[in-house]
Amino acid sequence: MITKISIGDYFSQEHPLPLIDVRSPGEFEKGHIPGATNIALFSNEERADVGTVYVQQSREKAIELGYQYVTPKLDWFIRESRNVAGKQAVAVHCWRGGMRSQAFAEHLHSNGFDEVYVITGGYKAYRNYVLNFFDQPFQLRVLGGYTGSGKTQLLEKIRELGQQVIDLEGLAHHKGSAFGAIGESAQPTVEQFENELHLQLRQFQLNKPIWVEDESHSIGHVKIPINFFRQIRQQPVYFIDIPKAERAKFLVSDYASFGNDLLASAINGISKRLGGQNVKLANDYLVENNYFEVAMIALRYYDKAYNRGVEHRDPTRVHRLKLSKIDARINAQILIKFVEEYERSQAHAI
């Protein structure tokens, strides 16, 4: 049996079906539903050829060429699909829920798959579903703090204490500064970043608070969905204020092992903002392996930049919490207590 299913119905399942994406590898790489397996009907080159024939000749000629490309792969499609779904029911999608997914579903059904579901509207419907998801209100607790405050580690401890946490920089594979790509794998596309963020948020209880870090709209080359970003900007910020020297020591422990070439490249990447004298001084310290002084110079710029961002917020909604050192376990406990007491006071004031 072949059944049409909406993307909303697919996600409403307690245990979503194994999912096959039959689009080309290039389409899949640009963005895909997390957890989907790509069993491409056409290679990138074949898809381009079929499209050219469709435009320059006719739909019928394009279909004919498509069959020529697909026919030698028919047995492979079945083997790969068995690897994905075994003997379970399986869901299939293409770009718009059209010919590719329908033809693939019919092939599976004709070769032993009793239940095949085709997602109506395909990946395009999924993308609309994701973007609309970010329009709803979220209860966000926004963690702020100067560069080097150990906010990522702090969020991880907050998660361990049972709170809901989204690590935006982890999803972006970037720490959000000129040094942010060091030690990270390649960033996802903007589209895939949105897809992964949707996946994590969808697993949360959205009527309860979610912790996020106070970020710029862009993290490296990816962008936070605009409606979600606006909500981050509208929420109170819980700003951890840690001495600069402590933060410099933390940055040394985080970055010094990656080598001077990468660090010099990052310093030179912000040369216009640091100023020529500071860049020369930082590079001189780098030659001496004096990473602490390099970090102190970099923090002059980053602290000023963060202060400029905070100045655009309502000062009554920026709550500073002075902490003496970077200890994620202790700071997480202090911060949670601080926030919960503040929220209770606000509730009583209403």
C-alpha atoms as a PDB file:
ATOM      1  CA  MET A   1       0.000   0.000   0.000  1.00  0.00           C
ATOM      2  CA  ILE A   2       1.260   3.479  -0.923  1.00  0.00           C
ATOM      3  CA  THR A   3      -0.081   6.253   1.309  1.00  0.00           C
ATOM      4  CA  LYS A   4       0.279  10.029   1.123  1.00  0.00           C
ATOM      5  CA  ILE A   5       1.303  11.647   4.422  1.00  0.00           C
ATOM      6  CA  SER A   6       1.869  15.297   5.338  1.00  0.00           C
ATOM      7  CA  ILE A   7       5.101  16.403   6.973  1.00  0.00           C
ATOM      8  CA  GLY A   8       3.116  17.381  10.073  1.00  0.00           C
ATOM      9  CA  ASP A   9       1.630  13.884  10.308  1.00  0.00           C
ATOM     10  CA  TYR A  10       5.093  12.383   9.818  1.00  0.00           C
ATOM     11  CA  PHE A  11       6.492  14.302  12.786  1.00  0.00           C
ATOM     12  CA  SER A  12       3.440  13.587  14.942  1.00  0.00           C
ATOM     13  CA  GLN A  13       4.309   9.876  14.978  1.00  0.00           C
ATOM     14  CA  GLU A  14       5.651   8.636  18.288  1.00  0.00           C
ATOM     15  CA  HIS A  15       8.362   6.731  16.425  1.00  0.00           C
ATOM     16  CA  PRO A  16       8.818   8.325  12.979  1.00  0.00           C
ATOM     17  CA  LEU A  17       9.254   5.911  10.091  1.00  0.00           C
ATOM     18  CA  PRO A  18      12.662   5.364   8.492  1.00  0.00           C
ATOM     19  CA  LEU A  19      12.965   8.106   5.880  1.00  0.00           C
ATOM     20  CA  ILE A  20      14.499   7.964   2.393  1.00  0.00           C
ATOM     21  CA  ASP A  21      15.381  11.144   0.519  1.00  0.00           C
ATOM     22  CA  VAL A  22      15.602  10.362  -3.214  1.00  0.00           C
ATOM     23  CA  ARG A  23      16.928  13.759  -4.289  1.00  0.00           C
ATOM     24  CA  SER A  24      20.401  14.154  -5.788  1.00  0.00           C
ATOM     25  CA  PRO A  25      23.455  14.202  -3.493  1.00  0.00           C
ATOM     26  CA  GLY A  26      23.894  17.941  -4.116  1.00  0.00           C
ATOM     27  CA  GLU A  27      20.334  18.704  -3.044  1.00  0.00           C
ATOM     28  CA  PHE A  28      20.773  16.527   0.047  1.00  0.00           C
ATOM     29  CA  GLU A  29      24.064  18.188   0.999  1.00  0.00           C
ATOM     30  CA  LYS A  30      22.533  21.660   0.814  1.00  0.00           C
ATOM     31  CA  GLY A  31      19.834  20.677   3.293  1.00  0.00           C
ATOM     32  CA  HIS A  32      17.952  17.585   4.400  1.00  0.00           C
ATOM     33  CA  ILE A  33      15.626  16.292   7.087  1.00  0.00           C
ATOM     34  CA  PRO A  34      17.853  15.150   9.982  1.00  0.00           C
ATOM     35  CA  GLY A  35      17.885  11.375  10.146  1.00  0.00           C
ATOM     36  CA  ALA A  36      16.972  10.889   6.474  1.00  0.00           C
ATOM     37  CA  THR A  37      19.070   8.593   4.279  1.00  0.00           C
ATOM     38  CA  ASN A  38      19.930   9.735   0.779  1.00  0.00           C
ATOM     39  CA  ILE A  39      19.278   7.093  -1.862  1.00  0.00           C
ATOM     40  CA  ALA A  40      19.540   9.302  -4.909  1.00  0.00           C
ATOM     41  CA  LEU A  41      17.419   8.519  -7.947  1.00  0.00           C
ATOM     42  CA  PHE A  42      19.862  10.561 -10.054  1.00  0.00           C
ATOM     43  CA  SER A  43      23.444  11.680  -9.538  1.00  0.00           C
ATOM     44  CA  ASN A  44      24.102  15.424  -9.672  1.00  0.00           C
ATOM     45  CA  GLU A  45      25.193  15.148 -13.299  1.00  0.00           C
ATOM     46  CA  GLU A  46      22.220  12.977 -14.289  1.00  0.00           C
ATOM     47  CA  ARG A  47      19.785  15.379 -12.663  1.00  0.00           C
ATOM     48  CA  ALA A  48      21.349  18.268 -14.590  1.00  0.00           C
ATOM     49  CA  ASP A  49      21.093  16.308 -17.854  1.00  0.00           C
ATOM     50  CA  VAL A  50      17.418  15.480 -17.290  1.00  0.00           C
ATOM     51  CA  GLY A  51      16.673  19.111 -16.480  1.00  0.00           C
ATOM     52  CA  THR A  52      18.411  20.321 -19.627  1.00  0.00           C
ATOM     53  CA  VAL A  53      16.478  17.883 -21.809  1.00  0.00           C
ATOM     54  CA  TYR A  54      13.220  18.948 -20.130  1.00  0.00           C
ATOM     55  CA  VAL A  55      13.885  22.622 -20.931  1.00  0.00           C
ATOM     56  CA  GLN A  56      15.408  22.216 -24.396  1.00  0.00           C
ATOM     57  CA  GLN A  57      13.350  19.314 -25.739  1.00  0.00           C
ATOM     58  CA  SER A  58      10.263  18.069 -23.875  1.00  0.00           C
ATOM     59  CA  ARG A  59       8.894  16.515 -20.724  1.00  0.00           C
ATOM     60  CA  GLU A  60       8.538  13.168 -22.496  1.00  0.00           C
ATOM     61  CA  LYS A  61      12.186  13.153 -23.612  1.00  0.00           C
ATOM     62  CA  ALA A  62      13.286  14.041 -20.091  1.00  0.00           C
ATOM     63  CA  ILE A  63      11.267  11.146 -18.630  1.00  0.00           C
ATOM     64  CA  GLU A  64      12.761   8.802 -21.222  1.00  0.00           C
ATOM     65  CA  LEU A  65      16.298   9.873 -20.281  1.00  0.00           C
ATOM     66  CA  GLY A  66      15.429   9.526 -16.604  1.00  0.00           C
ATOM     67  CA  TYR A  67      14.400   5.905 -17.120  1.00  0.00           C
ATOM     68  CA  GLN A  68      17.693   5.224 -18.912  1.00  0.00           C
ATOM     69  CA  TYR A  69      19.595   6.511 -15.908  1.00  0.00           C
ATOM     70  CA  VAL A  70      17.431   4.778 -13.299  1.00  0.00           C
ATOM     71  CA  THR A  71      16.963   1.293 -14.807  1.00  0.00           C
ATOM     72  CA  PRO A  72      20.480  -0.042 -14.044  1.00  0.00           C
ATOM     73  CA  LYS A  73      20.068   1.001 -10.397  1.00  0.00           C
ATOM     74  CA  LEU A  74      16.736  -0.666  -9.638  1.00  0.00           C
ATOM     75  CA  ASP A  75      18.181  -3.607  -7.698  1.00  0.00           C
ATOM     76  CA  TRP A  76      20.513  -1.256  -5.808  1.00  0.00           C
ATOM     77  CA  PHE A  77      17.536   0.886  -4.761  1.00  0.00           C
ATOM     78  CA  ILE A  78      15.899  -2.159  -3.160  1.00  0.00           C
ATOM     79  CA  ARG A  79      19.084  -3.303  -1.386  1.00  0.00           C
ATOM     80  CA  GLU A  80      19.780   0.166   0.002  1.00  0.00           C
ATOM     81  CA  SER A  81      16.181   0.622   1.099  1.00  0.00           C
ATOM     82  CA  ARG A  82      16.289  -2.716   2.922  1.00  0.00           C
ATOM     83  CA  ASN A  83      19.386  -1.482   4.752  1.00  0.00           C
ATOM     84  CA  VAL A  84      17.429   1.593   5.864  1.00  0.00           C
ATOM     85  CA  ALA A  85      14.108   0.024   6.787  1.00  0.00           C
ATOM     86  CA  GLY A  86      14.570  -3.717   6.964  1.00  0.00           C
ATOM     87  CA  LYS A  87      11.035  -5.094   6.789  1.00  0.00           C
ATOM     88  CA  GLN A  88       9.470  -2.017   8.367  1.00  0.00           C
ATOM     89  CA  ALA A  89       7.239   0.498   6.695  1.00  0.00           C
ATOM     90  CA  VAL A  90       9.208   3.340   5.123  1.00  0.00           C
ATOM     91  CA  ALA A  91       8.614   6.969   4.127  1.00  0.00           C
ATOM     92  CA  VAL A  92       9.963   8.545   0.950  1.00  0.00           C
ATOM     93  CA  HIS A  93      10.291  12.122  -0.257  1.00  0.00           C
ATOM     94  CA  CYS A  94      11.794  14.186  -3.059  1.00  0.00           C
ATOM     95  CA  TRP A  95      11.768  17.959  -3.621  1.00  0.00           C
ATOM     96  CA  ARG A  96       8.021  18.542  -4.065  1.00  0.00           C
ATOM     97  CA  GLY A  97       6.494  15.104  -3.582  1.00  0.00           C
ATOM     98  CA  GLY A  98       6.308  14.616  -7.345  1.00  0.00           C
ATOM     99  CA  MET A  99       7.491  12.077  -9.863  1.00  0.00           C
ATOM    100  CA  ARG A 100      10.754  11.047  -8.198  1.00  0.00           C
ATOM    101  CA  SER A 101       9.289  10.022  -4.840  1.00  0.00           C
ATOM    102  CA  GLN A 102       6.163   8.513  -6.401  1.00  0.00           C
ATOM    103  CA  ALA A 103       8.183   6.388  -8.838  1.00  0.00           C
ATOM    104  CA  PHE A 104      10.535   5.280  -6.064  1.00  0.00           C
ATOM    105  CA  ALA A 105       7.610   4.375  -3.796  1.00  0.00           C
ATOM    106  CA  GLU A 106       5.960   2.317  -6.542  1.00  0.00           C
ATOM    107  CA  HIS A 107       9.227   0.469  -7.140  1.00  0.00           C
ATOM    108  CA  LEU A 108       9.553  -0.372  -3.437  1.00  0.00           C
ATOM    109  CA  HIS A 109       5.934  -1.466  -3.202  1.00  0.00           C
ATOM    110  CA  SER A 110       6.361  -3.732  -6.234  1.00  0.00           C
ATOM    111  CA  ASN A 111       9.360  -5.365  -4.626  1.00  0.00           C
ATOM    112  CA  GLY A 112       8.174  -6.439  -1.217  1.00  0.00           C
ATOM    113  CA  PHE A 113       7.592  -3.234   0.769  1.00  0.00           C
ATOM    114  CA  ASP A 114       4.012  -3.569   2.007  1.00  0.00           C
ATOM    115  CA  GLU A 115       3.718  -0.038   3.450  1.00  0.00           C
ATOM    116  CA  VAL A 116       5.324   2.939   1.713  1.00  0.00           C
ATOM    117  CA  TYR A 117       4.454   6.502   2.666  1.00  0.00           C
ATOM    118  CA  VAL A 118       5.110   9.456   0.347  1.00  0.00           C
ATOM    119  CA  ILE A 119       5.471  12.855   2.015  1.00  0.00           C
ATOM    120  CA  THR A 120       3.202  15.294   0.214  1.00  0.00           C
ATOM    121  CA  GLY A 121       4.975  18.451  -0.850  1.00  0.00           C
ATOM    122  CA  GLY A 122       8.333  16.776  -0.236  1.00  0.00           C
ATOM    123  CA  TYR A 123      11.322  18.643   1.139  1.00  0.00           C
ATOM    124  CA  LYS A 124       9.789  21.973   0.130  1.00  0.00           C
ATOM    125  CA  ALA A 125       6.836  21.339   2.464  1.00  0.00           C
ATOM    126  CA  TYR A 126       9.275  20.351   5.213  1.00  0.00           C
ATOM    127  CA  ARG A 127      11.194  23.609   4.839  1.00  0.00           C
ATOM    128  CA  ASN A 128       7.985  25.641   5.140  1.00  0.00           C
ATOM    129  CA  TYR A 129       7.097  23.587   8.214  1.00  0.00           C
ATOM    130  CA  VAL A 130      10.502  24.355   9.784  1.00  0.00           C
ATOM    131  CA  LEU A 131      10.400  28.097   9.079  1.00  0.00           C
ATOM    132  CA  ASN A 132       6.839  28.406  10.389  1.00  0.00           C
ATOM    133  CA  PHE A 133       7.915  26.558  13.542  1.00  0.00           C
ATOM    134  CA  PHE A 134      10.231  29.441  14.482  1.00  0.00           C
ATOM    135  CA  ASP A 135       7.323  31.913  14.414  1.00  0.00           C
ATOM    136  CA  GLN A 136       5.886  30.616  17.690  1.00  0.00           C
ATOM    137  CA  PRO A 137       6.859  32.123  21.056  1.00  0.00           C
ATOM    138  CA  PHE A 138       9.598  30.401  23.059  1.00  0.00           C
ATOM    139  CA  GLN A 139      10.446  30.810  26.738  1.00  0.00           C
ATOM    140  CA  LEU A 140      14.120  31.701  26.419  1.00  0.00           C
ATOM    141  CA  ARG A 141      16.683  32.253  29.152  1.00  0.00           C
ATOM    142  CA  VAL A 142      19.520  34.122  27.475  1.00  0.00           C
ATOM    143  CA  LEU A 143      23.064  33.690  28.801  1.00  0.00           C
ATOM    144  CA  GLY A 144      25.385  36.614  28.154  1.00  0.00           C
ATOM    145  CA  GLY A 145      28.987  37.301  29.036  1.00  0.00           C
ATOM    146  CA  TYR A 146      32.263  38.531  27.621  1.00  0.00           C
ATOM    147  CA  THR A 147      34.373  36.367  25.318  1.00  0.00           C
ATOM    148  CA  GLY A 148      36.262  33.684  27.238  1.00  0.00           C
ATOM    149  CA  SER A 149      33.688  33.334  30.025  1.00  0.00           C
ATOM    150  CA  GLY A 150      33.240  29.604  29.376  1.00  0.00           C
ATOM    151  CA  LYS A 151      29.600  30.004  28.352  1.00  0.00           C
ATOM    152  CA  THR A 152      29.519  26.810  26.281  1.00  0.00           C
ATOM    153  CA  GLN A 153      30.761  24.717  29.195  1.00  0.00           C
ATOM    154  CA  LEU A 154      28.377  26.539  31.507  1.00  0.00           C
ATOM    155  CA  LEU A 155      25.427  25.698  29.270  1.00  0.00           C
ATOM    156  CA  GLU A 156      26.502  22.064  29.246  1.00  0.00           C
ATOM    157  CA  LYS A 157      26.474  21.985  33.061  1.00  0.00           C
ATOM    158  CA  ILE A 158      23.058  23.650  33.057  1.00  0.00           C
ATOM    159  CA  ARG A 159      21.879  20.840  30.771  1.00  0.00           C
ATOM    160  CA  GLU A 160      23.329  18.239  33.143  1.00  0.00           C
ATOM    161  CA  LEU A 161      21.293  19.837  35.934  1.00  0.00           C
ATOM    162  CA  GLY A 162      18.111  18.997  34.053  1.00  0.00           C
ATOM    163  CA  GLN A 163      17.459  22.264  32.198  1.00  0.00           C
ATOM    164  CA  GLN A 164      16.632  22.554  28.492  1.00  0.00           C
ATOM    165  CA  VAL A 165      19.598  23.969  26.557  1.00  0.00           C
ATOM    166  CA  ILE A 166      20.311  24.791  22.917  1.00  0.00           C
ATOM    167  CA  ASP A 167      23.995  25.127  22.021  1.00  0.00           C
ATOM    168  CA  LEU A 168      23.760  27.388  18.962  1.00  0.00           C
ATOM    169  CA  GLU A 169      27.527  27.498  18.482  1.00  0.00           C
ATOM    170  CA  GLY A 170      27.715  23.708  18.674  1.00  0.00           C
ATOM    171  CA  LEU A 171      25.067  23.400  15.962  1.00  0.00           C
ATOM    172  CA  ALA A 172      26.898  26.019  13.875  1.00  0.00           C
ATOM    173  CA  HIS A 173      30.334  24.374  14.362  1.00  0.00           C
ATOM    174  CA  HIS A 174      31.698  27.820  15.152  1.00  0.00           C
ATOM    175  CA  LYS A 175      32.434  29.785  18.337  1.00  0.00           C
ATOM    176  CA  GLY A 176      31.228  33.064  16.888  1.00  0.00           C
ATOM    177  CA  SER A 177      34.465  35.084  16.655  1.00  0.00           C
ATOM    178  CA  ALA A 178      37.475  35.495  14.361  1.00  0.00           C
ATOM    179  CA  PHE A 179      38.925  32.519  16.267  1.00  0.00           C
ATOM    180  CA  GLY A 180      35.639  30.635  16.111  1.00  0.00           C
ATOM    181  CA  ALA A 181      36.455  28.184  13.317  1.00  0.00           C
ATOM    182  CA  ILE A 182      39.634  26.935  15.027  1.00  0.00           C
ATOM    183  CA  GLY A 183      39.246  23.324  16.070  1.00  0.00           C
ATOM    184  CA  GLU A 184      35.807  22.999  14.486  1.00  0.00           C
ATOM    185  CA  SER A 185      34.584  20.861  11.600  1.00  0.00           C
ATOM    186  CA  ALA A 186      33.120  22.488   8.481  1.00  0.00           C
ATOM    187  CA  GLN A 187      30.030  24.582   9.107  1.00  0.00           C
ATOM    188  CA  PRO A 188      26.646  23.356   7.852  1.00  0.00           C
ATOM    189  CA  THR A 189      24.711  25.349   5.300  1.00  0.00           C
ATOM    190  CA  VAL A 190      22.323  27.957   6.682  1.00  0.00           C
ATOM    191  CA  GLU A 191      19.482  25.670   5.632  1.00  0.00           C
ATOM    192  CA  GLN A 192      20.850  22.632   7.447  1.00  0.00           C
ATOM    193  CA  PHE A 193      21.596  24.690  10.561  1.00  0.00           C
ATOM    194  CA  GLU A 194      17.908  25.667  10.647  1.00  0.00           C
ATOM    195  CA  ASN A 195      16.889  22.038  10.157  1.00  0.00           C
ATOM    196  CA  GLU A 196      19.085  20.834  13.040  1.00  0.00           C
ATOM    197  CA  LEU A 197      17.895  23.654  15.316  1.00  0.00           C
ATOM    198  CA  HIS A 198      14.285  22.725  14.560  1.00  0.00           C
ATOM    199  CA  LEU A 199      15.021  19.081  15.403  1.00  0.00           C
ATOM    200  CA  GLN A 200      16.425  19.959  18.821  1.00  0.00           C
ATOM    201  CA  LEU A 201      13.696  22.439  19.713  1.00  0.00           C
ATOM    202  CA  ARG A 202      10.969  20.039  18.613  1.00  0.00           C
ATOM    203  CA  GLN A 203      12.206  17.544  21.219  1.00  0.00           C
ATOM    204  CA  PHE A 204      11.759  20.050  24.052  1.00  0.00           C
ATOM    205  CA  GLN A 205       8.764  20.939  26.184  1.00  0.00           C
ATOM    206  CA  LEU A 206       8.074  24.330  24.658  1.00  0.00           C
ATOM    207  CA  ASN A 207       6.027  25.519  27.636  1.00  0.00           C
ATOM    208  CA  LYS A 208       9.190  25.404  29.765  1.00  0.00           C
ATOM    209  CA  PRO A 209      12.331  27.597  29.679  1.00  0.00           C
ATOM    210  CA  ILE A 210      15.078  26.986  27.124  1.00  0.00           C
ATOM    211  CA  TRP A 211      18.599  28.302  27.696  1.00  0.00           C
ATOM    212  CA  VAL A 212      20.510  29.845  24.782  1.00  0.00           C
ATOM    213  CA  GLU A 213      23.636  31.957  24.499  1.00  0.00           C
ATOM    214  CA  ASP A 214      23.351  35.624  23.532  1.00  0.00           C
ATOM    215  CA  GLU A 215      24.571  35.509  19.930  1.00  0.00           C
ATOM    216  CA  SER A 216      24.853  37.804  16.955  1.00  0.00           C
ATOM    217  CA  HIS A 217      22.507  37.028  14.080  1.00  0.00           C
ATOM    218  CA  SER A 218      25.439  35.365  12.265  1.00  0.00           C
ATOM    219  CA  ILE A 219      27.587  32.612  13.764  1.00  0.00           C
ATOM    220  CA  GLY A 220      30.393  32.255  11.261  1.00  0.00           C
ATOM    221  CA  HIS A 221      28.584  32.016   7.933  1.00  0.00           C
ATOM    222  CA  VAL A 222      25.319  30.567   9.265  1.00  0.00           C
ATOM    223  CA  LYS A 223      22.443  32.719  10.467  1.00  0.00           C
ATOM    224  CA  ILE A 224      19.988  32.169  13.291  1.00  0.00           C
ATOM    225  CA  PRO A 225      16.387  32.102  11.948  1.00  0.00           C
ATOM    226  CA  ILE A 226      15.266  35.710  12.139  1.00  0.00           C
ATOM    227  CA  ASN A 227      12.135  35.220  14.248  1.00  0.00           C
ATOM    228  CA  PHE A 228      14.021  33.067  16.745  1.00  0.00           C
ATOM    229  CA  PHE A 229      16.859  35.618  16.833  1.00  0.00           C
ATOM    230  CA  ARG A 230      14.405  38.453  17.510  1.00  0.00           C
ATOM    231  CA  GLN A 231      13.090  36.548  20.503  1.00  0.00           C
ATOM    232  CA  ILE A 232      16.638  36.153  21.842  1.00  0.00           C
ATOM    233  CA  ARG A 233      17.063  39.915  21.557  1.00  0.00           C
ATOM    234  CA  GLN A 234      13.765  40.640  23.295  1.00  0.00           C
ATOM    235  CA  GLN A 235      14.421  38.494  26.375  1.00  0.00           C
ATOM    236  CA  PRO A 236      16.267  39.445  29.565  1.00  0.00           C
ATOM    237  CA  VAL A 237      19.996  38.667  29.467  1.00  0.00           C
ATOM    238  CA  TYR A 238      21.732  37.004  32.398  1.00  0.00           C
ATOM    239  CA  PHE A 239      25.230  38.406  32.015  1.00  0.00           C
ATOM    240  CA  ILE A 240      28.065  36.625  33.800  1.00  0.00           C
ATOM    241  CA  ASP A 241      30.826  39.125  34.569  1.00  0.00           C
ATOM    242  CA  ILE A 242      34.173  37.364  35.035  1.00  0.00           C
ATOM    243  CA  PRO A 243      37.564  39.155  35.403  1.00  0.00           C
ATOM    244  CA  LYS A 244      39.505  39.620  32.168  1.00  0.00           C
ATOM    245  CA  ALA A 245      42.614  37.808  33.418  1.00  0.00           C
ATOM    246  CA  GLU A 246      40.540  34.702  34.250  1.00  0.00           C
ATOM    247  CA  ARG A 247      39.023  34.790  30.808  1.00  0.00           C
ATOM    248  CA  ALA A 248      42.424  35.190  29.138  1.00  0.00           C
ATOM    249  CA  LYS A 249      43.693  32.094  30.968  1.00  0.00           C
ATOM    250  CA  PHE A 250      40.616  30.196  29.804  1.00  0.00           C
ATOM    251  CA  LEU A 251      41.218  31.237  26.184  1.00  0.00           C
ATOM    252  CA  VAL A 252      44.815  30.048  26.422  1.00  0.00           C
ATOM    253  CA  SER A 253      43.632  26.615  27.582  1.00  0.00           C
ATOM    254  CA  ASP A 254      41.068  26.556  24.770  1.00  0.00           C
ATOM    255  CA  TYR A 255      43.170  27.719  21.809  1.00  0.00           C
ATOM    256  CA  ALA A 256      46.945  27.559  22.426  1.00  0.00           C
ATOM    257  CA  SER A 257      47.227  23.908  21.368  1.00  0.00           C
ATOM    258  CA  PHE A 258      46.040  24.625  17.822  1.00  0.00           C
ATOM    259  CA  GLY A 259      49.311  26.215  16.743  1.00  0.00           C
ATOM    260  CA  ASN A 260      50.586  29.707  16.071  1.00  0.00           C
ATOM    261  CA  ASP A 261      49.761  29.799  12.362  1.00  0.00           C
ATOM    262  CA  LEU A 262      46.018  29.516  12.964  1.00  0.00           C
ATOM    263  CA  LEU A 263      46.160  32.018  15.815  1.00  0.00           C
ATOM    264  CA  ALA A 264      48.145  34.521  13.730  1.00  0.00           C
ATOM    265  CA  SER A 265      45.633  34.181  10.907  1.00  0.00           C
ATOM    266  CA  ALA A 266      42.770  34.918  13.308  1.00  0.00           C
ATOM    267  CA  ILE A 267      44.581  37.938  14.769  1.00  0.00           C
ATOM    268  CA  ASN A 268      45.249  39.323  11.318  1.00  0.00           C
ATOM    269  CA  GLY A 269      41.597  38.742  10.470  1.00  0.00           C
ATOM    270  CA  ILE A 270      40.605  41.439  12.983  1.00  0.00           C
ATOM    271  CA  SER A 271      43.611  43.700  12.320  1.00  0.00           C
ATOM    272  CA  LYS A 272      41.494  46.700  11.317  1.00  0.00           C
ATOM    273  CA  ARG A 273      39.561  46.498  14.576  1.00  0.00           C
ATOM    274  CA  LEU A 274      42.556  45.843  16.794  1.00  0.00           C
ATOM    275  CA  GLY A 275      44.744  48.502  15.196  1.00  0.00           C
ATOM    276  CA  GLY A 276      48.193  48.065  13.701  1.00  0.00           C
ATOM    277  CA  GLN A 277      50.111  48.522  16.959  1.00  0.00           C
ATOM    278  CA  ASN A 278      48.052  45.908  18.803  1.00  0.00           C
ATOM    279  CA  VAL A 279      48.354  43.460  15.905  1.00  0.00           C
ATOM    280  CA  LYS A 280      52.153  43.825  15.876  1.00  0.00           C
ATOM    281  CA  LEU A 281      52.298  43.424  19.643  1.00  0.00           C
ATOM    282  CA  ALA A 282      50.041  40.351  19.549  1.00  0.00           C
ATOM    283  CA  ASN A 283      52.138  38.723  16.822  1.00  0.00           C
ATOM    284  CA  ASP A 284      55.324  39.465  18.771  1.00  0.00           C
ATOM    285  CA  TYR A 285      53.840  37.784  21.834  1.00  0.00           C
ATOM    286  CA  LEU A 286      52.764  34.880  19.643  1.00  0.00           C
ATOM    287  CA  VAL A 287      56.367  34.344  18.481  1.00  0.00           C
ATOM    288  CA  GLU A 288      57.352  34.187  22.162  1.00  0.00           C
ATOM    289  CA  ASN A 289      54.476  31.715  22.849  1.00  0.00           C
ATOM    290  CA  ASN A 290      53.131  34.218  25.352  1.00  0.00           C
ATOM    291  CA  TYR A 291      49.532  33.251  24.717  1.00  0.00           C
ATOM    292  CA  PHE A 292      48.188  34.987  27.821  1.00  0.00           C
ATOM    293  CA  GLU A 293      49.212  38.435  26.534  1.00  0.00           C
ATOM    294  CA  VAL A 294      47.851  37.597  23.082  1.00  0.00           C
ATOM    295  CA  ALA A 295      44.511  36.780  24.693  1.00  0.00           C
ATOM    296  CA  MET A 296      44.529  39.972  26.749  1.00  0.00           C
ATOM    297  CA  ILE A 297      45.034  42.045  23.592  1.00  0.00           C
ATOM    298  CA  ALA A 298      42.238  40.218  21.751  1.00  0.00           C
ATOM    299  CA  LEU A 299      39.883  40.749  24.695  1.00  0.00           C
ATOM    300  CA  ARG A 300      40.298  44.525  24.454  1.00  0.00           C
ATOM    301  CA  TYR A 301      38.477  44.376  21.131  1.00  0.00           C
ATOM    302  CA  TYR A 302      35.944  41.675  22.019  1.00  0.00           C
ATOM    303  CA  ASP A 303      34.911  43.283  25.315  1.00  0.00           C
ATOM    304  CA  LYS A 304      34.280  46.613  23.583  1.00  0.00           C
ATOM    305  CA  ALA A 305      32.332  44.885  20.812  1.00  0.00           C
ATOM    306  CA  TYR A 306      30.137  42.999  23.288  1.00  0.00           C
ATOM    307  CA  ASN A 307      29.499  46.167  25.297  1.00  0.00           C
ATOM    308  CA  ARG A 308      28.299  47.908  22.138  1.00  0.00           C
ATOM    309  CA  GLY A 309      25.826  45.079  21.572  1.00  0.00           C
ATOM    310  CA  VAL A 310      24.551  45.203  25.150  1.00  0.00           C
ATOM    311  CA  GLU A 311      24.042  48.964  24.865  1.00  0.00           C
ATOM    312  CA  HIS A 312      21.292  48.329  22.310  1.00  0.00           C
ATOM    313  CA  ARG A 313      19.281  46.404  24.899  1.00  0.00           C
ATOM    314  CA  ASP A 314      16.985  47.773  27.578  1.00  0.00           C
ATOM    315  CA  PRO A 315      19.432  48.182  30.522  1.00  0.00           C
ATOM    316  CA  THR A 316      16.722  47.094  32.971  1.00  0.00           C
ATOM    317  CA  ARG A 317      16.689  43.691  31.244  1.00  0.00           C
ATOM    318  CA  VAL A 318      20.440  43.062  31.477  1.00  0.00           C
ATOM    319  CA  HIS A 319      21.111  41.327  34.799  1.00  0.00           C
ATOM    320  CA  ARG A 320      24.800  41.203  35.699  1.00  0.00           C
ATOM    321  CA  LEU A 321      26.103  38.453  37.906  1.00  0.00           C
ATOM    322  CA  LYS A 322      29.702  38.897  39.087  1.00  0.00           C
ATOM    323  CA  LEU A 323      31.629  35.633  39.286  1.00  0.00           C
ATOM    324  CA  SER A 324      35.235  35.350  40.416  1.00  0.00           C
ATOM    325  CA  LYS A 325      36.407  32.465  38.246  1.00  0.00           C
ATOM    326  CA  ILE A 326      35.442  30.033  35.499  1.00  0.00           C
ATOM    327  CA  ASP A 327      34.078  26.916  37.172  1.00  0.00           C
ATOM    328  CA  ALA A 328      31.167  25.600  35.120  1.00  0.00           C
ATOM    329  CA  ARG A 329      29.731  23.388  37.873  1.00  0.00           C
ATOM    330  CA  ILE A 330      29.688  26.065  40.563  1.00  0.00           C
ATOM    331  CA  ASN A 331      28.684  28.866  38.205  1.00  0.00           C
ATOM    332  CA  ALA A 332      25.777  26.824  36.812  1.00  0.00           C
ATOM    333  CA  GLN A 333      24.342  26.366  40.297  1.00  0.00           C
ATOM    334  CA  ILE A 334      24.780  30.055  41.149  1.00  0.00           C
ATOM    335  CA  LEU A 335      23.245  31.168  37.853  1.00  0.00           C
ATOM    336  CA  ILE A 336      20.205  28.895  38.034  1.00  0.00           C
ATOM    337  CA  LYS A 337      19.482  30.040  41.586  1.00  0.00           C
ATOM    338  CA  PHE A 338      19.886  33.685  40.561  1.00  0.00           C
ATOM    339  CA  VAL A 339      17.542  33.338  37.564  1.00  0.00           C
ATOM    340  CA  GLU A 340      14.865  31.390  39.403  1.00  0.00           C
ATOM    341  CA  GLU A 341      14.817  33.924  42.244  1.00  0.00           C
ATOM    342  CA  TYR A 342      14.540  36.768  39.738  1.00  0.00           C
ATOM    343  CA  GLU A 343      11.707  35.066  37.848  1.00  0.00           C
ATOM    344  CA  ARG A 344       9.825  34.392  41.095  1.00  0.00           C
ATOM    345  CA  SER A 345      10.166  38.049  42.076  1.00  0.00           C
ATOM    346  CA  GLN A 346       8.804  39.111  38.700  1.00  0.00           C
ATOM    347  CA  ALA A 347       5.857  36.721  39.041  1.00  0.00           C
ATOM    348  CA  HIS A 348       5.006  38.091  42.485  1.00  0.00           C
ATOM    349  CA  ALA A 349       5.223  41.665  41.171  1.00  0.00           C
ATOM    350  CA  ILE A 350       2.534  41.037  38.554  1.00  0.00           C
END
